[in-house]
């Protein structure tokens, strides 16, 4: 009888449950506890104060993203050439097991004479407000800046020494989908549009499409204009030769021309024959 009870997994010689019975009961209890934990975490993620900042939708944290752009532009200084992108959808994500979210970002590109990238990044890190906790990591091939803006907005900057190009990504983090960021494109200032029309005409080109992007400056919003040429180009030679008199060249390469023209940063880039030109107002600082 004892051997039958032991083999059945119900009783041992002393009448206590066998290890197999204990294991089954333990697994059942663990599964129940795990289910309760998942439910609690889902409720916290949806309604709790623990993650209240991550629950603010993308439209609500837009001011924090714009403020980060403004702070970086101000820290860089009014003499630095730049371009600013509109808001870009950057993919889907999960806020919790039961909620989906979205990512948005703005790209801020700074241009400096090749070889001066680290000095510019060090200046930005030094000048950013303390709340960003900005830090610079140097490497043989790349330089990285990491910073934390308000409401869990993240800032990352990258450059390759000698390129003259620094790209900052100001990222919303994973946000609820209820209110996405909508980008409006107001008509460009006629003076700025004429400036780029003249630039293209000097190289026998015409505008095929345009879009605008808000540049948050300390004294208020300004608008940048980006145009795409109708024609395809093989080089930027014509543009380098026809830049306005008195313009200060920052970068002049086969695929990128950057110069300062009065209150504007002008960039002309070439990618697989498609030419894009931008006129971005610089902040006064």
C-alpha atoms as a PDB file:
ATOM      1  CA  UNK A   1       0.000   0.000   0.000  1.00  0.00           C
ATOM      2  CA  UNK A   2       2.793   2.390   0.913  1.00  0.00           C
ATOM      3  CA  UNK A   3       4.528   1.833  -2.383  1.00  0.00           C
ATOM      4  CA  UNK A   4       1.244   2.411  -4.262  1.00  0.00           C
ATOM      5  CA  UNK A   5       0.572   5.653  -2.374  1.00  0.00           C
ATOM      6  CA  UNK A   6       4.102   6.855  -2.975  1.00  0.00           C
ATOM      7  CA  UNK A   7       3.976   6.056  -6.684  1.00  0.00           C
ATOM      8  CA  UNK A   8       0.603   7.771  -7.048  1.00  0.00           C
ATOM      9  CA  UNK A   9       2.075  10.962  -5.688  1.00  0.00           C
ATOM     10  CA  UNK A  10      -0.600  11.387  -2.989  1.00  0.00           C
ATOM     11  CA  UNK A  11       0.873  10.159   0.340  1.00  0.00           C
ATOM     12  CA  UNK A  12       4.240   9.290   1.706  1.00  0.00           C
ATOM     13  CA  UNK A  13       4.860   6.822   4.539  1.00  0.00           C
ATOM     14  CA  UNK A  14       4.161   9.507   7.140  1.00  0.00           C
ATOM     15  CA  UNK A  15       0.931  10.575   5.457  1.00  0.00           C
ATOM     16  CA  UNK A  16       2.289  13.947   4.160  1.00  0.00           C
ATOM     17  CA  UNK A  17       1.810  15.134   0.544  1.00  0.00           C
ATOM     18  CA  UNK A  18       4.420  13.980  -1.920  1.00  0.00           C
ATOM     19  CA  UNK A  19       6.811  16.510  -3.527  1.00  0.00           C
ATOM     20  CA  UNK A  20       4.885  16.224  -6.822  1.00  0.00           C
ATOM     21  CA  UNK A  21       1.673  17.364  -5.135  1.00  0.00           C
ATOM     22  CA  UNK A  22       3.502  20.219  -3.441  1.00  0.00           C
ATOM     23  CA  UNK A  23       5.004  21.263  -6.798  1.00  0.00           C
ATOM     24  CA  UNK A  24       1.593  21.300  -8.479  1.00  0.00           C
ATOM     25  CA  UNK A  25       0.069  23.407  -5.686  1.00  0.00           C
ATOM     26  CA  UNK A  26       3.056  25.786  -5.740  1.00  0.00           C
ATOM     27  CA  UNK A  27       2.756  26.283  -9.514  1.00  0.00           C
ATOM     28  CA  UNK A  28      -0.963  26.993  -9.208  1.00  0.00           C
ATOM     29  CA  UNK A  29      -0.320  29.629  -6.554  1.00  0.00           C
ATOM     30  CA  UNK A  30       2.470  31.190  -8.613  1.00  0.00           C
ATOM     31  CA  UNK A  31       0.242  31.446 -11.675  1.00  0.00           C
ATOM     32  CA  UNK A  32      -2.482  33.151  -9.642  1.00  0.00           C
ATOM     33  CA  UNK A  33       0.004  35.619  -8.120  1.00  0.00           C
ATOM     34  CA  UNK A  34       1.433  36.403 -11.568  1.00  0.00           C
ATOM     35  CA  UNK A  35      -2.044  37.125 -12.934  1.00  0.00           C
ATOM     36  CA  UNK A  36      -2.736  39.527 -10.053  1.00  0.00           C
ATOM     37  CA  UNK A  37       0.634  41.266 -10.602  1.00  0.00           C
ATOM     38  CA  UNK A  38      -0.058  41.779 -14.316  1.00  0.00           C
ATOM     39  CA  UNK A  39      -3.474  43.270 -13.506  1.00  0.00           C
ATOM     40  CA  UNK A  40      -2.009  45.654 -10.921  1.00  0.00           C
ATOM     41  CA  UNK A  41       0.763  46.794 -13.265  1.00  0.00           C
ATOM     42  CA  UNK A  42      -1.732  47.376 -16.064  1.00  0.00           C
ATOM     43  CA  UNK A  43      -3.888  49.527 -13.785  1.00  0.00           C
ATOM     44  CA  UNK A  44      -0.861  51.525 -12.615  1.00  0.00           C
ATOM     45  CA  UNK A  45       0.341  52.007 -16.167  1.00  0.00           C
ATOM     46  CA  UNK A  46      -3.078  53.254 -17.212  1.00  0.00           C
ATOM     47  CA  UNK A  47      -4.127  55.408 -14.284  1.00  0.00           C
ATOM     48  CA  UNK A  48      -1.426  55.540 -11.649  1.00  0.00           C
ATOM     49  CA  UNK A  49       0.734  58.483 -10.664  1.00  0.00           C
ATOM     50  CA  UNK A  50       3.869  56.374 -11.042  1.00  0.00           C
ATOM     51  CA  UNK A  51       3.859  56.817 -14.834  1.00  0.00           C
ATOM     52  CA  UNK A  52       1.819  60.010 -15.114  1.00  0.00           C
ATOM     53  CA  UNK A  53       4.502  61.756 -17.199  1.00  0.00           C
ATOM     54  CA  UNK A  54       4.612  58.982 -19.780  1.00  0.00           C
ATOM     55  CA  UNK A  55       0.816  59.123 -20.058  1.00  0.00           C
ATOM     56  CA  UNK A  56       0.776  62.704 -21.361  1.00  0.00           C
ATOM     57  CA  UNK A  57       0.075  62.473 -25.057  1.00  0.00           C
ATOM     58  CA  UNK A  58       2.370  63.720 -27.785  1.00  0.00           C
ATOM     59  CA  UNK A  59       0.455  66.967 -28.333  1.00  0.00           C
ATOM     60  CA  UNK A  60       0.718  67.800 -24.619  1.00  0.00           C
ATOM     61  CA  UNK A  61       4.513  67.400 -24.513  1.00  0.00           C
ATOM     62  CA  UNK A  62       5.046  69.358 -27.723  1.00  0.00           C
ATOM     63  CA  UNK A  63       5.962  72.539 -25.762  1.00  0.00           C
ATOM     64  CA  UNK A  64       8.698  70.598 -23.965  1.00  0.00           C
ATOM     65  CA  UNK A  65      10.159  69.430 -27.286  1.00  0.00           C
ATOM     66  CA  UNK A  66      10.071  72.958 -28.701  1.00  0.00           C
ATOM     67  CA  UNK A  67      11.640  74.345 -25.530  1.00  0.00           C
ATOM     68  CA  UNK A  68      14.486  71.829 -25.834  1.00  0.00           C
ATOM     69  CA  UNK A  69      15.076  72.897 -29.456  1.00  0.00           C
ATOM     70  CA  UNK A  70      15.152  76.553 -28.368  1.00  0.00           C
ATOM     71  CA  UNK A  71      17.555  75.842 -25.522  1.00  0.00           C
ATOM     72  CA  UNK A  72      19.991  73.996 -27.807  1.00  0.00           C
ATOM     73  CA  UNK A  73      19.836  76.737 -30.441  1.00  0.00           C
ATOM     74  CA  UNK A  74      20.452  79.368 -27.768  1.00  0.00           C
ATOM     75  CA  UNK A  75      23.347  77.385 -26.279  1.00  0.00           C
ATOM     76  CA  UNK A  76      24.931  76.974 -29.723  1.00  0.00           C
ATOM     77  CA  UNK A  77      24.904  80.732 -30.282  1.00  0.00           C
ATOM     78  CA  UNK A  78      23.473  82.997 -32.995  1.00  0.00           C
ATOM     79  CA  UNK A  79      26.467  82.563 -35.272  1.00  0.00           C
ATOM     80  CA  UNK A  80      25.915  78.816 -35.811  1.00  0.00           C
ATOM     81  CA  UNK A  81      24.207  77.680 -39.031  1.00  0.00           C
ATOM     82  CA  UNK A  82      21.253  75.360 -38.527  1.00  0.00           C
ATOM     83  CA  UNK A  83      18.194  73.616 -39.940  1.00  0.00           C
ATOM     84  CA  UNK A  84      15.138  72.379 -38.023  1.00  0.00           C
ATOM     85  CA  UNK A  85      12.787  69.645 -39.208  1.00  0.00           C
ATOM     86  CA  UNK A  86       9.019  69.543 -38.649  1.00  0.00           C
ATOM     87  CA  UNK A  87       7.717  66.872 -36.282  1.00  0.00           C
ATOM     88  CA  UNK A  88       8.279  63.372 -37.636  1.00  0.00           C
ATOM     89  CA  UNK A  89       6.383  60.203 -36.750  1.00  0.00           C
ATOM     90  CA  UNK A  90       9.038  57.793 -35.538  1.00  0.00           C
ATOM     91  CA  UNK A  91       7.154  54.539 -35.065  1.00  0.00           C
ATOM     92  CA  UNK A  92       4.783  52.712 -32.744  1.00  0.00           C
ATOM     93  CA  UNK A  93       5.471  51.409 -29.247  1.00  0.00           C
ATOM     94  CA  UNK A  94       3.798  49.906 -26.179  1.00  0.00           C
ATOM     95  CA  UNK A  95       3.225  51.967 -23.059  1.00  0.00           C
ATOM     96  CA  UNK A  96       2.030  48.894 -21.169  1.00  0.00           C
ATOM     97  CA  UNK A  97       0.652  45.436 -21.835  1.00  0.00           C
ATOM     98  CA  UNK A  98      -2.720  46.943 -22.697  1.00  0.00           C
ATOM     99  CA  UNK A  99      -1.851  50.326 -24.234  1.00  0.00           C
ATOM    100  CA  UNK A 100      -0.164  51.225 -27.480  1.00  0.00           C
ATOM    101  CA  UNK A 101       1.755  54.430 -28.095  1.00  0.00           C
ATOM    102  CA  UNK A 102       3.656  56.439 -30.699  1.00  0.00           C
ATOM    103  CA  UNK A 103       7.028  58.167 -31.003  1.00  0.00           C
ATOM    104  CA  UNK A 104       7.644  61.619 -32.484  1.00  0.00           C
ATOM    105  CA  UNK A 105      10.862  63.571 -32.903  1.00  0.00           C
ATOM    106  CA  UNK A 106      12.316  66.781 -34.265  1.00  0.00           C
ATOM    107  CA  UNK A 107      15.748  66.920 -35.841  1.00  0.00           C
ATOM    108  CA  UNK A 108      17.990  69.914 -35.276  1.00  0.00           C
ATOM    109  CA  UNK A 109      21.097  70.043 -37.469  1.00  0.00           C
ATOM    110  CA  UNK A 110      23.962  72.384 -36.650  1.00  0.00           C
ATOM    111  CA  UNK A 111      26.793  73.216 -39.040  1.00  0.00           C
ATOM    112  CA  UNK A 112      30.259  74.378 -38.083  1.00  0.00           C
ATOM    113  CA  UNK A 113      33.602  74.534 -39.894  1.00  0.00           C
ATOM    114  CA  UNK A 114      35.003  70.972 -40.064  1.00  0.00           C
ATOM    115  CA  UNK A 115      37.187  70.247 -37.069  1.00  0.00           C
ATOM    116  CA  UNK A 116      35.247  72.471 -34.651  1.00  0.00           C
ATOM    117  CA  UNK A 117      32.506  69.968 -33.768  1.00  0.00           C
ATOM    118  CA  UNK A 118      33.802  69.075 -30.301  1.00  0.00           C
ATOM    119  CA  UNK A 119      34.293  72.704 -29.300  1.00  0.00           C
ATOM    120  CA  UNK A 120      30.693  73.461 -30.300  1.00  0.00           C
ATOM    121  CA  UNK A 121      29.317  70.449 -28.412  1.00  0.00           C
ATOM    122  CA  UNK A 122      31.304  71.364 -25.317  1.00  0.00           C
ATOM    123  CA  UNK A 123      29.863  74.877 -25.489  1.00  0.00           C
ATOM    124  CA  UNK A 124      26.321  73.519 -25.795  1.00  0.00           C
ATOM    125  CA  UNK A 125      26.765  71.117 -22.862  1.00  0.00           C
ATOM    126  CA  UNK A 126      28.217  73.936 -20.744  1.00  0.00           C
ATOM    127  CA  UNK A 127      25.449  76.407 -21.612  1.00  0.00           C
ATOM    128  CA  UNK A 128      22.376  74.169 -21.370  1.00  0.00           C
ATOM    129  CA  UNK A 129      20.357  74.675 -18.156  1.00  0.00           C
ATOM    130  CA  UNK A 130      21.343  72.374 -15.291  1.00  0.00           C
ATOM    131  CA  UNK A 131      18.025  70.487 -15.458  1.00  0.00           C
ATOM    132  CA  UNK A 132      19.195  68.821 -18.689  1.00  0.00           C
ATOM    133  CA  UNK A 133      22.102  67.093 -16.927  1.00  0.00           C
ATOM    134  CA  UNK A 134      23.846  67.223 -20.308  1.00  0.00           C
ATOM    135  CA  UNK A 135      26.974  65.130 -20.764  1.00  0.00           C
ATOM    136  CA  UNK A 136      29.413  64.634 -23.614  1.00  0.00           C
ATOM    137  CA  UNK A 137      30.932  61.281 -24.489  1.00  0.00           C
ATOM    138  CA  UNK A 138      33.950  61.328 -26.756  1.00  0.00           C
ATOM    139  CA  UNK A 139      35.222  58.525 -28.946  1.00  0.00           C
ATOM    140  CA  UNK A 140      37.706  58.037 -31.717  1.00  0.00           C
ATOM    141  CA  UNK A 141      35.046  58.063 -34.431  1.00  0.00           C
ATOM    142  CA  UNK A 142      31.978  59.754 -32.904  1.00  0.00           C
ATOM    143  CA  UNK A 143      30.982  62.313 -30.310  1.00  0.00           C
ATOM    144  CA  UNK A 144      27.689  61.921 -28.423  1.00  0.00           C
ATOM    145  CA  UNK A 145      25.675  64.296 -26.262  1.00  0.00           C
ATOM    146  CA  UNK A 146      22.997  62.972 -23.919  1.00  0.00           C
ATOM    147  CA  UNK A 147      20.479  65.152 -22.069  1.00  0.00           C
ATOM    148  CA  UNK A 148      17.077  64.888 -20.390  1.00  0.00           C
ATOM    149  CA  UNK A 149      14.474  67.560 -21.065  1.00  0.00           C
ATOM    150  CA  UNK A 150      11.182  68.191 -19.261  1.00  0.00           C
ATOM    151  CA  UNK A 151       8.465  65.506 -19.097  1.00  0.00           C
ATOM    152  CA  UNK A 152      10.773  62.619 -20.060  1.00  0.00           C
ATOM    153  CA  UNK A 153      11.626  64.182 -23.432  1.00  0.00           C
ATOM    154  CA  UNK A 154      15.088  62.977 -24.453  1.00  0.00           C
ATOM    155  CA  UNK A 155      17.863  64.768 -26.318  1.00  0.00           C
ATOM    156  CA  UNK A 156      20.647  63.037 -28.232  1.00  0.00           C
ATOM    157  CA  UNK A 157      23.334  64.648 -30.347  1.00  0.00           C
ATOM    158  CA  UNK A 158      25.826  62.926 -32.661  1.00  0.00           C
ATOM    159  CA  UNK A 159      28.674  63.993 -34.891  1.00  0.00           C
ATOM    160  CA  UNK A 160      31.647  62.578 -36.721  1.00  0.00           C
ATOM    161  CA  UNK A 161      34.759  64.697 -36.097  1.00  0.00           C
ATOM    162  CA  UNK A 162      35.787  66.523 -39.233  1.00  0.00           C
ATOM    163  CA  UNK A 163      32.316  66.418 -40.810  1.00  0.00           C
ATOM    164  CA  UNK A 164      31.168  69.860 -39.697  1.00  0.00           C
ATOM    165  CA  UNK A 165      27.696  68.373 -39.108  1.00  0.00           C
ATOM    166  CA  UNK A 166      25.991  67.792 -35.760  1.00  0.00           C
ATOM    167  CA  UNK A 167      22.517  66.239 -35.548  1.00  0.00           C
ATOM    168  CA  UNK A 168      20.325  66.467 -32.462  1.00  0.00           C
ATOM    169  CA  UNK A 169      17.219  64.316 -32.065  1.00  0.00           C
ATOM    170  CA  UNK A 170      14.655  65.704 -29.620  1.00  0.00           C
ATOM    171  CA  UNK A 171      12.384  62.755 -28.886  1.00  0.00           C
ATOM    172  CA  UNK A 172       8.968  62.602 -27.220  1.00  0.00           C
ATOM    173  CA  UNK A 173       9.397  59.079 -25.913  1.00  0.00           C
ATOM    174  CA  UNK A 174       6.487  56.619 -26.099  1.00  0.00           C
ATOM    175  CA  UNK A 175       3.198  58.542 -25.874  1.00  0.00           C
ATOM    176  CA  UNK A 176      -0.528  57.641 -25.969  1.00  0.00           C
ATOM    177  CA  UNK A 177      -2.109  57.779 -29.407  1.00  0.00           C
ATOM    178  CA  UNK A 178      -5.224  59.777 -28.461  1.00  0.00           C
ATOM    179  CA  UNK A 179      -3.818  63.133 -29.605  1.00  0.00           C
ATOM    180  CA  UNK A 180      -1.124  62.856 -32.287  1.00  0.00           C
ATOM    181  CA  UNK A 181       1.039  65.798 -33.282  1.00  0.00           C
ATOM    182  CA  UNK A 182      -0.351  67.540 -36.343  1.00  0.00           C
ATOM    183  CA  UNK A 183       2.060  69.659 -38.379  1.00  0.00           C
ATOM    184  CA  UNK A 184       0.723  72.651 -40.260  1.00  0.00           C
ATOM    185  CA  UNK A 185       2.671  74.280 -43.078  1.00  0.00           C
ATOM    186  CA  UNK A 186       1.861  77.998 -43.265  1.00  0.00           C
ATOM    187  CA  UNK A 187       2.750  79.842 -46.441  1.00  0.00           C
ATOM    188  CA  UNK A 188       6.396  80.960 -46.405  1.00  0.00           C
ATOM    189  CA  UNK A 189       7.437  84.553 -46.049  1.00  0.00           C
ATOM    190  CA  UNK A 190       7.624  86.056 -49.573  1.00  0.00           C
ATOM    191  CA  UNK A 191      11.119  87.404 -48.924  1.00  0.00           C
ATOM    192  CA  UNK A 192      12.419  83.993 -47.897  1.00  0.00           C
ATOM    193  CA  UNK A 193      10.700  82.290 -50.822  1.00  0.00           C
ATOM    194  CA  UNK A 194      12.235  84.850 -53.218  1.00  0.00           C
ATOM    195  CA  UNK A 195      15.660  84.209 -51.718  1.00  0.00           C
ATOM    196  CA  UNK A 196      15.465  80.498 -52.515  1.00  0.00           C
ATOM    197  CA  UNK A 197      13.819  81.090 -55.902  1.00  0.00           C
ATOM    198  CA  UNK A 198      16.785  83.267 -56.841  1.00  0.00           C
ATOM    199  CA  UNK A 199      19.182  80.632 -55.548  1.00  0.00           C
ATOM    200  CA  UNK A 200      17.680  77.941 -57.758  1.00  0.00           C
ATOM    201  CA  UNK A 201      17.309  80.238 -60.762  1.00  0.00           C
ATOM    202  CA  UNK A 202      21.039  81.004 -60.645  1.00  0.00           C
ATOM    203  CA  UNK A 203      21.632  77.316 -61.377  1.00  0.00           C
ATOM    204  CA  UNK A 204      18.766  77.010 -63.881  1.00  0.00           C
ATOM    205  CA  UNK A 205      16.464  75.295 -61.406  1.00  0.00           C
ATOM    206  CA  UNK A 206      12.881  75.802 -60.240  1.00  0.00           C
ATOM    207  CA  UNK A 207      10.983  74.876 -57.087  1.00  0.00           C
ATOM    208  CA  UNK A 208       8.937  71.672 -57.250  1.00  0.00           C
ATOM    209  CA  UNK A 209       7.704  71.597 -53.636  1.00  0.00           C
ATOM    210  CA  UNK A 210       8.141  73.415 -50.356  1.00  0.00           C
ATOM    211  CA  UNK A 211       7.379  73.057 -46.678  1.00  0.00           C
ATOM    212  CA  UNK A 212       7.925  75.178 -43.591  1.00  0.00           C
ATOM    213  CA  UNK A 213       9.031  74.386 -40.044  1.00  0.00           C
ATOM    214  CA  UNK A 214       8.737  76.435 -36.871  1.00  0.00           C
ATOM    215  CA  UNK A 215      12.006  77.549 -35.303  1.00  0.00           C
ATOM    216  CA  UNK A 216      11.417  78.237 -31.588  1.00  0.00           C
ATOM    217  CA  UNK A 217      13.644  81.188 -30.663  1.00  0.00           C
ATOM    218  CA  UNK A 218      13.802  82.865 -27.232  1.00  0.00           C
ATOM    219  CA  UNK A 219      11.868  85.852 -28.574  1.00  0.00           C
ATOM    220  CA  UNK A 220       9.198  83.819 -30.365  1.00  0.00           C
ATOM    221  CA  UNK A 221       8.569  81.481 -33.300  1.00  0.00           C
ATOM    222  CA  UNK A 222      10.157  82.041 -36.680  1.00  0.00           C
ATOM    223  CA  UNK A 223       9.660  80.034 -39.828  1.00  0.00           C
ATOM    224  CA  UNK A 224      12.186  78.125 -41.919  1.00  0.00           C
ATOM    225  CA  UNK A 225      11.543  77.225 -45.534  1.00  0.00           C
ATOM    226  CA  UNK A 226      12.684  74.054 -47.309  1.00  0.00           C
ATOM    227  CA  UNK A 227      12.314  73.658 -51.073  1.00  0.00           C
ATOM    228  CA  UNK A 228      12.985  70.738 -53.398  1.00  0.00           C
ATOM    229  CA  UNK A 229      14.163  71.427 -56.944  1.00  0.00           C
ATOM    230  CA  UNK A 230      12.184  70.202 -59.904  1.00  0.00           C
ATOM    231  CA  UNK A 231      15.307  69.322 -61.864  1.00  0.00           C
ATOM    232  CA  UNK A 232      17.898  66.700 -60.967  1.00  0.00           C
ATOM    233  CA  UNK A 233      21.477  67.835 -60.432  1.00  0.00           C
ATOM    234  CA  UNK A 234      24.859  66.152 -60.656  1.00  0.00           C
ATOM    235  CA  UNK A 235      26.806  68.596 -58.470  1.00  0.00           C
ATOM    236  CA  UNK A 236      26.554  71.767 -56.413  1.00  0.00           C
ATOM    237  CA  UNK A 237      29.160  73.653 -58.426  1.00  0.00           C
ATOM    238  CA  UNK A 238      26.684  76.174 -59.806  1.00  0.00           C
ATOM    239  CA  UNK A 239      25.345  76.974 -56.354  1.00  0.00           C
ATOM    240  CA  UNK A 240      28.757  77.451 -54.772  1.00  0.00           C
ATOM    241  CA  UNK A 241      29.681  79.911 -57.509  1.00  0.00           C
ATOM    242  CA  UNK A 242      26.413  81.858 -57.384  1.00  0.00           C
ATOM    243  CA  UNK A 243      26.087  82.409 -53.640  1.00  0.00           C
ATOM    244  CA  UNK A 244      25.303  86.010 -52.656  1.00  0.00           C
ATOM    245  CA  UNK A 245      28.122  88.477 -52.270  1.00  0.00           C
ATOM    246  CA  UNK A 246      29.177  88.772 -48.675  1.00  0.00           C
ATOM    247  CA  UNK A 247      27.854  85.352 -47.686  1.00  0.00           C
ATOM    248  CA  UNK A 248      30.053  83.434 -45.251  1.00  0.00           C
ATOM    249  CA  UNK A 249      30.697  79.829 -46.294  1.00  0.00           C
ATOM    250  CA  UNK A 250      30.631  77.270 -43.453  1.00  0.00           C
ATOM    251  CA  UNK A 251      30.836  74.014 -45.445  1.00  0.00           C
ATOM    252  CA  UNK A 252      31.442  73.509 -49.150  1.00  0.00           C
ATOM    253  CA  UNK A 253      31.481  69.867 -50.269  1.00  0.00           C
ATOM    254  CA  UNK A 254      30.276  67.800 -53.213  1.00  0.00           C
ATOM    255  CA  UNK A 255      26.924  67.015 -51.560  1.00  0.00           C
ATOM    256  CA  UNK A 256      26.501  69.908 -49.105  1.00  0.00           C
ATOM    257  CA  UNK A 257      26.867  73.680 -49.224  1.00  0.00           C
ATOM    258  CA  UNK A 258      26.194  75.736 -46.089  1.00  0.00           C
ATOM    259  CA  UNK A 259      26.595  79.472 -45.793  1.00  0.00           C
ATOM    260  CA  UNK A 260      25.344  82.393 -43.734  1.00  0.00           C
ATOM    261  CA  UNK A 261      23.417  85.005 -45.696  1.00  0.00           C
ATOM    262  CA  UNK A 262      22.403  87.904 -43.484  1.00  0.00           C
ATOM    263  CA  UNK A 263      19.958  86.626 -40.846  1.00  0.00           C
ATOM    264  CA  UNK A 264      19.567  83.222 -42.536  1.00  0.00           C
ATOM    265  CA  UNK A 265      21.390  79.925 -42.572  1.00  0.00           C
ATOM    266  CA  UNK A 266      21.279  78.598 -46.140  1.00  0.00           C
ATOM    267  CA  UNK A 267      21.883  74.905 -46.837  1.00  0.00           C
ATOM    268  CA  UNK A 268      21.917  73.202 -50.224  1.00  0.00           C
ATOM    269  CA  UNK A 269      22.159  69.415 -50.157  1.00  0.00           C
ATOM    270  CA  UNK A 270      22.297  66.825 -52.919  1.00  0.00           C
ATOM    271  CA  UNK A 271      21.203  63.207 -52.525  1.00  0.00           C
ATOM    272  CA  UNK A 272      20.904  60.865 -55.489  1.00  0.00           C
ATOM    273  CA  UNK A 273      20.304  63.789 -57.815  1.00  0.00           C
ATOM    274  CA  UNK A 274      17.570  65.368 -55.676  1.00  0.00           C
ATOM    275  CA  UNK A 275      18.448  68.866 -54.552  1.00  0.00           C
ATOM    276  CA  UNK A 276      17.013  70.398 -51.390  1.00  0.00           C
ATOM    277  CA  UNK A 277      17.621  73.956 -50.227  1.00  0.00           C
ATOM    278  CA  UNK A 278      16.642  75.520 -46.907  1.00  0.00           C
ATOM    279  CA  UNK A 279      16.588  79.032 -45.487  1.00  0.00           C
ATOM    280  CA  UNK A 280      16.471  78.998 -41.675  1.00  0.00           C
ATOM    281  CA  UNK A 281      16.315  82.167 -39.577  1.00  0.00           C
ATOM    282  CA  UNK A 282      18.946  82.283 -36.855  1.00  0.00           C
ATOM    283  CA  UNK A 283      17.929  83.218 -33.324  1.00  0.00           C
ATOM    284  CA  UNK A 284      19.381  86.455 -32.004  1.00  0.00           C
ATOM    285  CA  UNK A 285      20.484  84.666 -28.837  1.00  0.00           C
END
